[in-house]
Amino acid sequence: MSVSPVHTYLVPADLADRVSRMWRRSGELPPALPQPSVDLLVFADGSLWLAGPETEARTGSLTEPLTEVRSRPGCPSGSCGGDSWWPSG
């Protein structure tokens, strides 16, 4: 199996208290352990999907690039100091 490269992006300073990591990948996905975090998945067509926390390992392949934004623990629920994951305005 040839695993696709991961392109990691710097988290903008105004999101650093809510977001721990941002990356983009396509193609074959490596086997991964379950993650206790929540990810915002941004698909090539612009659609969004909120995923996690995962309870089982997943693998597969992507037909188009996917961008992922990983939250810091507790942030999607509003427990990291604000009312929502994203800053207002």
N, C-alpha and C. Protein backbone atom coordinates (compact mmCIF):
# COMPACT_ATOMS: atom_id res chain seq x y z
N MET A 1 0.85 -1.17 0.00
CA MET A 1 0.00 0.00 0.00
C MET A 1 0.89 1.24 0.00
N SER A 2 0.61 2.17 -0.87
CA SER A 2 1.33 3.43 -0.94
C SER A 2 0.47 4.52 -0.29
N VAL A 3 0.93 5.00 0.85
CA VAL A 3 0.16 5.99 1.61
C VAL A 3 0.43 7.38 1.06
N SER A 4 -0.61 8.17 0.93
CA SER A 4 -0.47 9.52 0.39
C SER A 4 0.25 10.44 1.37
N PRO A 5 0.95 11.44 0.84
CA PRO A 5 1.62 12.40 1.73
C PRO A 5 0.60 13.29 2.43
N VAL A 6 1.00 13.80 3.56
CA VAL A 6 0.17 14.72 4.33
C VAL A 6 0.80 16.10 4.24
N HIS A 7 0.01 17.10 3.93
CA HIS A 7 0.47 18.48 3.88
C HIS A 7 -0.10 19.18 5.11
N THR A 8 0.77 19.51 6.07
CA THR A 8 0.34 20.13 7.31
C THR A 8 0.42 21.65 7.19
N TYR A 9 -0.56 22.34 7.76
CA TYR A 9 -0.62 23.79 7.71
C TYR A 9 -0.47 24.38 9.11
N LEU A 10 0.07 25.56 9.19
CA LEU A 10 0.18 26.29 10.44
C LEU A 10 -1.21 26.74 10.87
N VAL A 11 -1.54 26.51 12.13
CA VAL A 11 -2.84 26.93 12.66
C VAL A 11 -2.80 28.44 12.88
N PRO A 12 -3.77 29.19 12.31
CA PRO A 12 -3.80 30.65 12.52
C PRO A 12 -3.87 30.98 14.01
N ALA A 13 -3.20 32.04 14.41
CA ALA A 13 -3.11 32.43 15.82
C ALA A 13 -4.49 32.62 16.46
N ASP A 14 -5.47 33.15 15.71
CA ASP A 14 -6.79 33.39 16.29
C ASP A 14 -7.60 32.10 16.50
N LEU A 15 -7.10 30.96 16.00
CA LEU A 15 -7.76 29.67 16.21
C LEU A 15 -6.95 28.73 17.09
N ALA A 16 -5.75 29.13 17.49
CA ALA A 16 -4.83 28.23 18.19
C ALA A 16 -5.38 27.72 19.52
N ASP A 17 -6.27 28.46 20.17
CA ASP A 17 -6.85 27.97 21.42
C ASP A 17 -7.94 26.94 21.19
N ARG A 18 -8.42 26.81 19.93
CA ARG A 18 -9.49 25.88 19.59
C ARG A 18 -9.04 24.75 18.67
N VAL A 19 -8.02 25.01 17.85
CA VAL A 19 -7.58 24.06 16.81
C VAL A 19 -6.17 23.58 17.13
N SER A 20 -5.97 22.25 17.09
CA SER A 20 -4.64 21.72 17.38
C SER A 20 -3.85 21.41 16.11
N ARG A 21 -4.54 21.15 14.99
CA ARG A 21 -3.82 20.74 13.78
C ARG A 21 -4.71 20.93 12.55
N MET A 22 -4.08 21.26 11.42
CA MET A 22 -4.78 21.36 10.13
C MET A 22 -3.91 20.66 9.10
N TRP A 23 -4.53 19.84 8.24
CA TRP A 23 -3.77 19.15 7.21
C TRP A 23 -4.66 18.78 6.03
N ARG A 24 -4.01 18.40 4.95
CA ARG A 24 -4.69 18.03 3.70
C ARG A 24 -4.05 16.76 3.17
N ARG A 25 -4.87 15.85 2.68
CA ARG A 25 -4.36 14.62 2.08
C ARG A 25 -5.34 14.09 1.04
N SER A 26 -4.87 13.16 0.24
CA SER A 26 -5.71 12.47 -0.73
C SER A 26 -5.12 11.08 -0.94
N GLY A 27 -5.83 10.24 -1.64
CA GLY A 27 -5.32 8.91 -1.94
C GLY A 27 -5.52 7.93 -0.80
N GLU A 28 -4.60 6.98 -0.70
CA GLU A 28 -4.67 5.90 0.27
C GLU A 28 -4.40 6.42 1.69
N LEU A 29 -5.25 6.02 2.62
CA LEU A 29 -5.09 6.44 4.01
C LEU A 29 -4.39 5.34 4.80
N PRO A 30 -3.50 5.70 5.71
CA PRO A 30 -2.84 4.68 6.53
C PRO A 30 -3.78 4.17 7.61
N PRO A 31 -3.57 2.95 8.10
CA PRO A 31 -4.36 2.50 9.24
C PRO A 31 -4.09 3.47 10.40
N ALA A 32 -5.12 3.85 11.11
CA ALA A 32 -4.97 4.82 12.19
C ALA A 32 -5.70 4.35 13.43
N LEU A 33 -5.14 4.68 14.57
CA LEU A 33 -5.79 4.37 15.83
C LEU A 33 -6.94 5.35 16.06
N PRO A 34 -7.93 4.95 16.85
CA PRO A 34 -9.01 5.89 17.17
C PRO A 34 -8.46 7.15 17.82
N GLN A 35 -9.08 8.27 17.55
CA GLN A 35 -8.66 9.56 18.09
C GLN A 35 -9.78 10.12 18.98
N PRO A 36 -9.43 10.65 20.15
CA PRO A 36 -10.46 11.19 21.04
C PRO A 36 -10.88 12.62 20.69
N SER A 37 -10.45 13.12 19.56
CA SER A 37 -10.75 14.49 19.18
C SER A 37 -11.84 14.54 18.11
N VAL A 38 -12.31 15.75 17.85
CA VAL A 38 -13.31 15.99 16.83
C VAL A 38 -12.64 16.69 15.65
N ASP A 39 -12.93 16.24 14.43
CA ASP A 39 -12.36 16.82 13.22
C ASP A 39 -13.45 17.44 12.37
N LEU A 40 -13.16 18.59 11.80
CA LEU A 40 -14.01 19.18 10.78
C LEU A 40 -13.38 18.77 9.45
N LEU A 41 -14.11 18.01 8.64
CA LEU A 41 -13.63 17.55 7.34
C LEU A 41 -14.19 18.45 6.26
N VAL A 42 -13.31 18.96 5.41
CA VAL A 42 -13.72 19.85 4.32
C VAL A 42 -13.41 19.12 3.01
N PHE A 43 -14.45 18.76 2.27
CA PHE A 43 -14.30 18.01 1.03
C PHE A 43 -14.06 18.94 -0.15
N ALA A 44 -13.56 18.38 -1.25
CA ALA A 44 -13.20 19.15 -2.44
C ALA A 44 -14.38 19.96 -2.98
N ASP A 45 -15.62 19.45 -2.81
CA ASP A 45 -16.80 20.17 -3.32
C ASP A 45 -17.28 21.26 -2.37
N GLY A 46 -16.57 21.43 -1.23
CA GLY A 46 -16.93 22.46 -0.27
C GLY A 46 -17.84 21.98 0.84
N SER A 47 -18.31 20.75 0.76
CA SER A 47 -19.17 20.24 1.82
C SER A 47 -18.35 19.96 3.09
N LEU A 48 -19.04 20.02 4.23
CA LEU A 48 -18.40 19.86 5.53
C LEU A 48 -18.99 18.66 6.26
N TRP A 49 -18.14 18.03 7.08
CA TRP A 49 -18.60 16.91 7.90
C TRP A 49 -17.88 16.99 9.23
N LEU A 50 -18.60 16.93 10.31
CA LEU A 50 -18.01 16.92 11.64
C LEU A 50 -17.90 15.47 12.06
N ALA A 51 -16.69 15.01 12.39
CA ALA A 51 -16.45 13.60 12.70
C ALA A 51 -15.75 13.45 14.04
N GLY A 52 -16.12 12.41 14.76
CA GLY A 52 -15.42 12.03 15.97
C GLY A 52 -16.19 12.41 17.22
N PRO A 53 -15.65 12.08 18.35
CA PRO A 53 -14.43 11.30 18.49
C PRO A 53 -14.62 9.87 17.99
N GLU A 54 -13.57 9.32 17.41
CA GLU A 54 -13.61 7.97 16.84
C GLU A 54 -13.46 6.93 17.94
N THR A 55 -14.17 5.82 17.78
CA THR A 55 -14.07 4.73 18.74
C THR A 55 -13.44 3.48 18.14
N GLU A 56 -13.20 3.50 16.82
CA GLU A 56 -12.56 2.36 16.16
C GLU A 56 -11.63 2.86 15.06
N ALA A 57 -10.61 2.07 14.75
CA ALA A 57 -9.65 2.44 13.71
C ALA A 57 -10.33 2.40 12.35
N ARG A 58 -9.92 3.29 11.47
CA ARG A 58 -10.48 3.35 10.10
C ARG A 58 -9.34 3.44 9.10
N THR A 59 -9.61 2.96 7.89
CA THR A 59 -8.66 3.09 6.79
C THR A 59 -9.47 3.14 5.51
N GLY A 60 -8.82 3.40 4.39
CA GLY A 60 -9.52 3.48 3.11
C GLY A 60 -8.75 4.36 2.17
N SER A 61 -9.46 4.88 1.17
CA SER A 61 -8.81 5.78 0.24
C SER A 61 -9.77 6.91 -0.11
N LEU A 62 -9.18 8.03 -0.46
CA LEU A 62 -9.95 9.22 -0.85
C LEU A 62 -9.85 9.40 -2.35
N THR A 63 -10.96 9.68 -2.99
CA THR A 63 -10.95 9.92 -4.44
C THR A 63 -10.59 11.36 -4.77
N GLU A 64 -10.78 12.27 -3.80
CA GLU A 64 -10.44 13.68 -3.97
C GLU A 64 -9.76 14.17 -2.70
N PRO A 65 -9.00 15.25 -2.78
CA PRO A 65 -8.34 15.77 -1.57
C PRO A 65 -9.34 16.11 -0.47
N LEU A 66 -8.89 15.97 0.75
CA LEU A 66 -9.68 16.25 1.93
C LEU A 66 -8.84 17.10 2.87
N THR A 67 -9.43 18.17 3.40
CA THR A 67 -8.75 19.01 4.39
C THR A 67 -9.39 18.72 5.74
N GLU A 68 -8.54 18.56 6.76
CA GLU A 68 -9.04 18.27 8.09
C GLU A 68 -8.57 19.33 9.07
N VAL A 69 -9.48 19.73 9.96
CA VAL A 69 -9.17 20.67 11.03
C VAL A 69 -9.48 19.94 12.32
N ARG A 70 -8.45 19.69 13.15
CA ARG A 70 -8.64 18.95 14.40
C ARG A 70 -8.79 19.91 15.57
N SER A 71 -9.86 19.71 16.33
CA SER A 71 -10.11 20.57 17.49
C SER A 71 -9.26 20.16 18.68
N ARG A 72 -9.08 21.09 19.56
CA ARG A 72 -8.46 20.78 20.84
C ARG A 72 -9.53 20.09 21.70
N PRO A 73 -9.13 19.24 22.64
CA PRO A 73 -10.12 18.55 23.48
C PRO A 73 -11.09 19.51 24.14
N GLY A 74 -12.38 19.20 24.04
CA GLY A 74 -13.42 20.00 24.68
C GLY A 74 -13.91 21.19 23.90
N CYS A 75 -13.23 21.59 22.84
CA CYS A 75 -13.60 22.82 22.14
C CYS A 75 -14.92 22.76 21.37
N PRO A 76 -15.23 21.70 20.64
CA PRO A 76 -16.52 21.72 19.94
C PRO A 76 -17.71 21.85 20.89
N SER A 77 -17.55 21.40 22.13
CA SER A 77 -18.66 21.49 23.07
C SER A 77 -18.74 22.86 23.73
N GLY A 78 -17.79 23.74 23.43
CA GLY A 78 -17.80 25.08 24.01
C GLY A 78 -17.07 25.17 25.34
N SER A 79 -16.37 24.10 25.73
CA SER A 79 -15.73 24.10 27.05
C SER A 79 -14.30 24.62 27.04
N CYS A 80 -13.89 25.30 25.97
CA CYS A 80 -12.53 25.84 25.95
C CYS A 80 -12.57 27.37 26.02
N GLY A 81 -13.51 27.88 26.77
CA GLY A 81 -13.52 29.31 27.04
C GLY A 81 -14.46 30.13 26.18
N GLY A 82 -15.15 29.54 25.23
CA GLY A 82 -16.05 30.30 24.38
C GLY A 82 -17.36 29.56 24.20
N ASP A 83 -18.27 30.18 23.44
CA ASP A 83 -19.56 29.55 23.21
C ASP A 83 -19.56 28.62 22.01
N SER A 84 -18.54 28.74 21.14
CA SER A 84 -18.51 27.89 19.96
C SER A 84 -17.08 27.60 19.56
N TRP A 85 -16.93 26.69 18.63
CA TRP A 85 -15.62 26.29 18.14
C TRP A 85 -14.94 27.42 17.39
N TRP A 86 -15.68 28.15 16.55
CA TRP A 86 -15.12 29.21 15.71
C TRP A 86 -15.37 30.58 16.33
N PRO A 87 -14.42 31.49 16.19
CA PRO A 87 -14.65 32.83 16.70
C PRO A 87 -15.77 33.53 15.94
N SER A 88 -16.49 34.39 16.62
CA SER A 88 -17.57 35.11 15.93
C SER A 88 -16.99 36.25 15.12
N GLY A 89 -17.74 36.63 14.07
CA GLY A 89 -17.32 37.77 13.26
C GLY A 89 -16.53 37.41 12.14
